C-alpha cells in the first residue's frame, strides 16, 4: 500500500504491484503475515507526524512477518523465523519485503500472530510508561484516559499482572455498558467516563485504593486537567498522545502546592535512545512475550481485514469511538 503524496487516507493510498528487490548479503526476505493500522500510520500519511518517510512510501510501522530467505552475512535470523520491525518507518503494509537485518527483531513463533503483529508499539509503550517514570508496587494505582485504546488495553493487563490497580477513563458513548464490561474482563479495577471525573462520587473509589502516583494521558484538553486533580502530590503525568488536539491545561496550584511532574513519552525516541542497548530491548520483548504466553496479555480487540479491502479498513480506523483495531491480513 503506497502513498506518493501526503493527504487524507484512503484517497491518497494505492494498492500497487512492486518488484521485490534483489537480496543483498545482509538482507532478509520477509513474507508479511499481518499488520495493524495505528493512529501514527494515518498521521504519517496525512503528513502531520513528527517523522515522515521519504515519498513515495509504503504505509505501516508495525506488523509481523516470516523469514523466507537470508543473505550470506545474516547470522541472527534464518528461514521460518518470525520478525517484527525494530523501529518505525519500515512500511509493513505489503505482502513481501527485503529489509536489512538490523531493521528486524526476532520474536517467538509460539505467541498468537495477532499478538506478534501488535507487539512493537502499544504493549512496549504501556510497559515503558508503567516502569520508567514512577516505581510502582503491588497495591499502587494508575489513572489513564483513552483506556479503550491499544495502549490503554495493554496498560490494564500489564498493571493487573503486577498487582497495580487501574482507574480507566473513557468517553461517554452509545455502547458504554459493553465497553465497561470488556475493560473489566481485561482486568480494569474501575472504569469511569470523563464526566464522572468531575463528580464527588470519585471519592468513593479512593476509599478502597490509594490515589494514583501515575497518570497516563493520550487525550489532552479538559480530560487531562480533570485527571490531574486525582493525582497524588509529587505524582507524575505522562503524555503520549493528543487525541482531542487540545493543549494540556494545568492549574498553577497543581505545580505549587502538589509539585506534580509533567513528562512526555514517545516509543520511537525510546528506541533511538536504546539503539546501542540491545539488552534493554531484548528484556522488554521477553517480558511482554512471557505475559502473552501466560495469558496475561492479549492482542487488542481486532478486526481482521484482507489487504484488498484496505480502503474500508482505513476508513474504519479513523471513525470516532472505534474500539477495534483494524489488522491487515497479508
Foldseek 3Di string as FASTA:
>chain_A
DWFQAAAAPPVRPDDDDDDADDAAQQKWKWFFFKAFDDPQQRCLSNVNDPDHDPPRAATGFFGKTFTCQHHNNHDPDGGGWMKIFLFGRPRRLDRMHMDGPLRIDTADPPFDRLCRRPPQFQLLQLVCQVPPPDHDAAQAEEEEEPLLDQNNLNNQLVCVVRNYAYEYEYADDPPVVVSQVVSVVLRHPHYYYLVCLPDPCVVVVCVRGPQHLEYEYAAADPSQQSSLVRHAQQGEYEYEHHNPPYHHDYDPCCCPVRVYYYYYDDSNVVSVVCVVPVVVVVVSSVVSVVCSVVVSDDGFAEDEDESVCVRVLSVQNPDPPRSYIYMYGD
